[in-house]
Amino acid sequence: MEIDFIYIALVIAIVLLSMTVHEAMHAYTSYWLGDDTAKAQGRLTLNPVAHIDPFLTLLLPVMLAILGLPIFGGAKPVPFNPYRVRYGEFGAALVGVAGPLTNLLIALICFGAFVAFGPVSAIGQGLLLAVYINLGFFIFNMLPIPPLDGSRLLYALAPDSVRRVFEMVERQGILLVFALILLFSSQIGAFIIAARSFFVDLFRILFGV
């Protein structure tokens, strides 16, 4: 299998930029809501070194790119204390969705730039790749499974008994994410492709193309 190293380098660059902004938005949102945990641990920064997870940020996206599969992944979770942010569980939910919604916004901006540059240009193709990657990060991280960001919405809406179950599951942290990817990679990939197509069609409607 021939590997396109320029394509892989572009994927890494887009992933690093996108996930750095993703994690920084978690940190800035929690700080804005009154919790300085992320700042105290050096995560209130746009330095990608502070946020990189070797597997989720680098190895997983590169492997998916080489295999020609939908690209998704994550980074080191930004620490925050849900009991210190304003508005209780809803404040914590806002911290959780800040990162994925940032990826959605990046995808929307890149799609607008893609329309402006045109699909046949090299810049246009790079922008379209950024759209796909950021939508992949948005969709994957919004899955309502602890410790992924989307689970914070369930925390805000679920009764206390269900929250306690989520807390127990979340203690497994990144190991649970690894298990999900290993056991259900094909299902996750199919879901991301379908959801990504929905958002791309929505973007086309918004930009009239």
Protein backbone atom coordinates (compact mmCIF):
# COMPACT_ATOMS: atom_id res chain seq x y z
CA MET A 1 0.00 0.00 0.00
CA GLU A 2 1.48 3.33 -1.12
CA ILE A 3 1.38 6.09 1.51
CA ASP A 4 0.88 9.71 0.46
CA PHE A 5 3.16 11.46 2.95
CA ILE A 6 2.05 14.94 1.89
CA TYR A 7 -1.55 13.96 2.62
CA ILE A 8 -0.56 12.50 6.00
CA ALA A 9 1.41 15.64 6.88
CA LEU A 10 -1.63 17.77 5.98
CA VAL A 11 -3.86 15.57 8.14
CA ILE A 12 -1.49 15.93 11.11
CA ALA A 13 -1.35 19.72 10.67
CA ILE A 14 -5.15 20.04 10.51
CA VAL A 15 -5.64 17.70 13.47
CA LEU A 16 -3.12 19.53 15.65
CA LEU A 17 -4.63 22.93 14.87
CA SER A 18 -8.22 21.77 15.24
CA MET A 19 -7.78 19.82 18.46
CA THR A 20 -5.64 22.53 20.04
CA VAL A 21 -8.45 25.05 19.53
CA HIS A 22 -10.99 22.41 20.65
CA GLU A 23 -9.26 21.78 23.97
CA ALA A 24 -8.42 25.44 24.52
CA MET A 25 -12.13 26.28 24.19
CA HIS A 26 -12.93 23.75 26.93
CA ALA A 27 -10.35 25.48 29.12
CA TYR A 28 -11.44 29.04 28.32
CA THR A 29 -15.10 28.17 28.84
CA SER A 30 -14.50 26.58 32.24
CA TYR A 31 -12.35 29.57 33.25
CA TRP A 32 -15.06 31.98 32.05
CA LEU A 33 -17.57 30.06 34.18
CA GLY A 34 -15.43 30.42 37.31
CA ASP A 35 -13.22 27.32 37.46
CA ASP A 36 -9.45 27.87 37.23
CA THR A 37 -8.49 24.16 37.28
CA ALA A 38 -7.43 24.14 33.61
CA LYS A 39 -5.43 27.34 34.02
CA ALA A 40 -3.62 25.96 37.08
CA GLN A 41 -2.62 22.87 35.08
CA GLY A 42 -1.34 24.83 32.10
CA ARG A 43 -4.21 24.00 29.74
CA LEU A 44 -5.41 27.57 29.19
CA THR A 45 -3.19 27.82 26.12
CA LEU A 46 -3.06 27.44 22.34
CA ASN A 47 0.21 25.52 22.59
CA PRO A 48 -0.58 22.10 21.03
CA VAL A 49 2.04 20.36 23.20
CA ALA A 50 -0.19 20.91 26.24
CA HIS A 51 -3.12 19.09 24.64
CA ILE A 52 -1.67 16.24 22.55
CA ASP A 53 -2.59 12.66 23.35
CA PRO A 54 -0.17 10.42 21.42
CA PHE A 55 -2.87 7.91 20.45
CA LEU A 56 -6.02 10.00 19.98
CA THR A 57 -4.39 13.10 18.48
CA LEU A 58 -1.67 11.53 16.32
CA LEU A 59 -1.67 7.76 15.90
CA LEU A 60 -5.43 7.20 15.48
CA PRO A 61 -6.05 9.95 12.88
CA VAL A 62 -2.94 8.93 10.91
CA MET A 63 -3.96 5.26 10.91
CA LEU A 64 -7.46 6.17 9.73
CA ALA A 65 -6.02 8.42 7.01
CA ILE A 66 -3.70 5.67 5.76
CA LEU A 67 -6.60 3.22 5.65
CA GLY A 68 -8.82 5.72 3.84
CA LEU A 69 -11.39 5.75 6.66
CA PRO A 70 -13.27 8.70 8.22
CA ILE A 71 -10.84 10.62 10.41
CA PHE A 72 -11.73 11.25 14.04
CA GLY A 73 -9.96 11.37 17.36
CA GLY A 74 -9.42 13.51 20.42
CA ALA A 75 -6.84 14.96 22.79
CA LYS A 76 -5.97 14.95 26.48
CA PRO A 77 -9.17 15.87 28.33
CA VAL A 78 -9.08 19.34 29.86
CA PRO A 79 -9.51 19.00 33.63
CA PHE A 80 -12.25 21.02 35.24
CA ASN A 81 -14.28 20.89 38.44
CA PRO A 82 -18.01 20.70 37.59
CA TYR A 83 -18.82 21.84 41.15
CA ARG A 84 -16.94 25.12 40.68
CA VAL A 85 -18.45 26.31 37.40
CA ARG A 86 -21.48 28.58 37.44
CA TYR A 87 -24.95 27.20 36.60
CA GLY A 88 -24.27 23.70 37.97
CA GLU A 89 -24.70 20.81 35.54
CA PHE A 90 -25.72 23.14 32.73
CA GLY A 91 -22.48 25.08 33.16
CA ALA A 92 -20.58 21.79 33.05
CA ALA A 93 -22.52 20.82 29.91
CA LEU A 94 -21.49 24.11 28.32
CA VAL A 95 -17.84 23.33 29.07
CA GLY A 96 -18.33 19.89 27.52
CA VAL A 97 -19.90 21.01 24.25
CA ALA A 98 -17.61 24.05 23.78
CA GLY A 99 -14.91 21.90 22.17
CA PRO A 100 -17.04 19.98 19.65
CA LEU A 101 -19.03 23.08 18.72
CA THR A 102 -15.72 24.78 17.98
CA ASN A 103 -14.91 21.99 15.53
CA LEU A 104 -18.33 22.46 13.92
CA LEU A 105 -17.65 26.18 13.54
CA ILE A 106 -14.19 25.52 12.05
CA ALA A 107 -15.81 23.11 9.57
CA LEU A 108 -18.37 25.74 8.59
CA ILE A 109 -15.69 28.43 8.08
CA CYS A 110 -13.49 26.07 6.07
CA PHE A 111 -16.44 25.09 3.89
CA GLY A 112 -17.12 28.74 3.15
CA ALA A 113 -13.47 29.21 2.19
CA PHE A 114 -13.66 26.01 0.09
CA VAL A 115 -16.57 27.47 -1.85
CA ALA A 116 -14.60 30.68 -2.40
CA PHE A 117 -11.41 28.95 -3.63
CA GLY A 118 -13.20 26.28 -5.66
CA PRO A 119 -13.03 22.48 -5.48
CA VAL A 120 -10.35 22.02 -8.15
CA SER A 121 -7.64 24.11 -6.47
CA ALA A 122 -5.09 22.57 -4.10
CA ILE A 123 -6.15 25.03 -1.41
CA GLY A 124 -9.78 24.08 -1.95
CA GLN A 125 -8.98 20.38 -1.50
CA GLY A 126 -7.06 21.14 1.70
CA LEU A 127 -9.99 23.14 3.03
CA LEU A 128 -12.40 20.32 2.19
CA LEU A 129 -10.16 17.90 4.12
CA ALA A 130 -10.30 20.31 7.08
CA VAL A 131 -14.10 20.28 6.81
CA TYR A 132 -14.21 16.48 6.92
CA ILE A 133 -11.72 16.19 9.78
CA ASN A 134 -13.44 18.78 11.94
CA LEU A 135 -16.86 17.24 11.31
CA GLY A 136 -15.37 13.87 12.29
CA PHE A 137 -14.08 15.34 15.56
CA PHE A 138 -17.41 17.08 16.21
CA ILE A 139 -19.51 13.96 15.59
CA PHE A 140 -17.24 11.56 17.50
CA ASN A 141 -16.83 13.80 20.54
CA MET A 142 -20.57 14.52 20.71
CA LEU A 143 -21.38 10.84 21.20
CA PRO A 144 -23.24 10.71 24.55
CA ILE A 145 -20.83 8.21 26.08
CA PRO A 146 -18.61 9.04 29.09
CA PRO A 147 -15.96 10.41 28.98
CA LEU A 148 -16.69 11.94 25.56
CA ASP A 149 -17.90 15.54 25.53
CA GLY A 150 -21.45 14.70 24.53
CA SER A 151 -22.00 12.86 27.80
CA ARG A 152 -22.02 16.22 29.59
CA LEU A 153 -25.38 16.98 28.02
CA LEU A 154 -26.76 13.80 29.55
CA TYR A 155 -25.31 14.77 32.93
CA ALA A 156 -27.31 17.99 32.77
CA LEU A 157 -30.58 16.25 31.86
CA ALA A 158 -30.37 12.88 33.61
CA PRO A 159 -31.63 12.10 37.14
CA ASP A 160 -29.12 11.67 39.96
CA SER A 161 -29.18 7.86 39.77
CA VAL A 162 -28.15 7.92 36.11
CA ARG A 163 -25.47 10.53 36.79
CA ARG A 164 -23.88 8.24 39.36
CA VAL A 165 -23.68 5.49 36.73
CA PHE A 166 -22.05 7.94 34.30
CA GLU A 167 -19.52 8.89 36.95
CA MET A 168 -18.56 5.26 37.48
CA VAL A 169 -18.18 4.72 33.74
CA GLU A 170 -16.18 7.94 33.35
CA ARG A 171 -13.60 6.72 35.86
CA GLN A 172 -12.44 4.27 33.20
CA GLY A 173 -11.58 7.36 31.15
CA ILE A 174 -9.53 6.86 28.06
CA LEU A 175 -9.56 3.05 28.37
CA LEU A 176 -13.26 3.06 27.56
CA VAL A 177 -12.64 5.18 24.46
CA PHE A 178 -9.94 2.74 23.31
CA ALA A 179 -12.32 -0.18 23.80
CA LEU A 180 -15.10 1.56 21.86
CA ILE A 181 -12.78 2.27 18.95
CA LEU A 182 -11.39 -1.27 18.86
CA LEU A 183 -14.75 -3.02 19.18
CA PHE A 184 -17.00 -0.73 17.17
CA SER A 185 -14.69 1.04 14.72
CA SER A 186 -16.74 0.04 11.65
CA GLN A 187 -20.02 1.15 13.25
CA ILE A 188 -18.49 4.43 14.42
CA GLY A 189 -17.04 5.01 10.95
CA ALA A 190 -20.38 4.35 9.24
CA PHE A 191 -22.18 6.69 11.65
CA ILE A 192 -19.60 9.44 11.11
CA ILE A 193 -19.90 9.13 7.31
CA ALA A 194 -23.70 9.41 7.46
CA ALA A 195 -23.68 12.32 9.92
CA ARG A 196 -20.88 14.06 8.03
CA SER A 197 -22.88 13.87 4.80
CA PHE A 198 -25.83 15.45 6.59
CA PHE A 199 -23.76 18.42 7.75
CA VAL A 200 -22.03 18.86 4.37
CA ASP A 201 -25.46 18.95 2.70
CA LEU A 202 -26.56 21.50 5.30
CA PHE A 203 -23.47 23.62 4.57
CA ARG A 204 -24.25 23.44 0.84
CA ILE A 205 -27.72 24.78 1.52
CA LEU A 206 -26.35 27.57 3.74
CA PHE A 207 -23.85 28.67 1.08
CA GLY A 208 -26.18 28.07 -1.85
CA VAL A 209 -24.02 25.53 -3.68
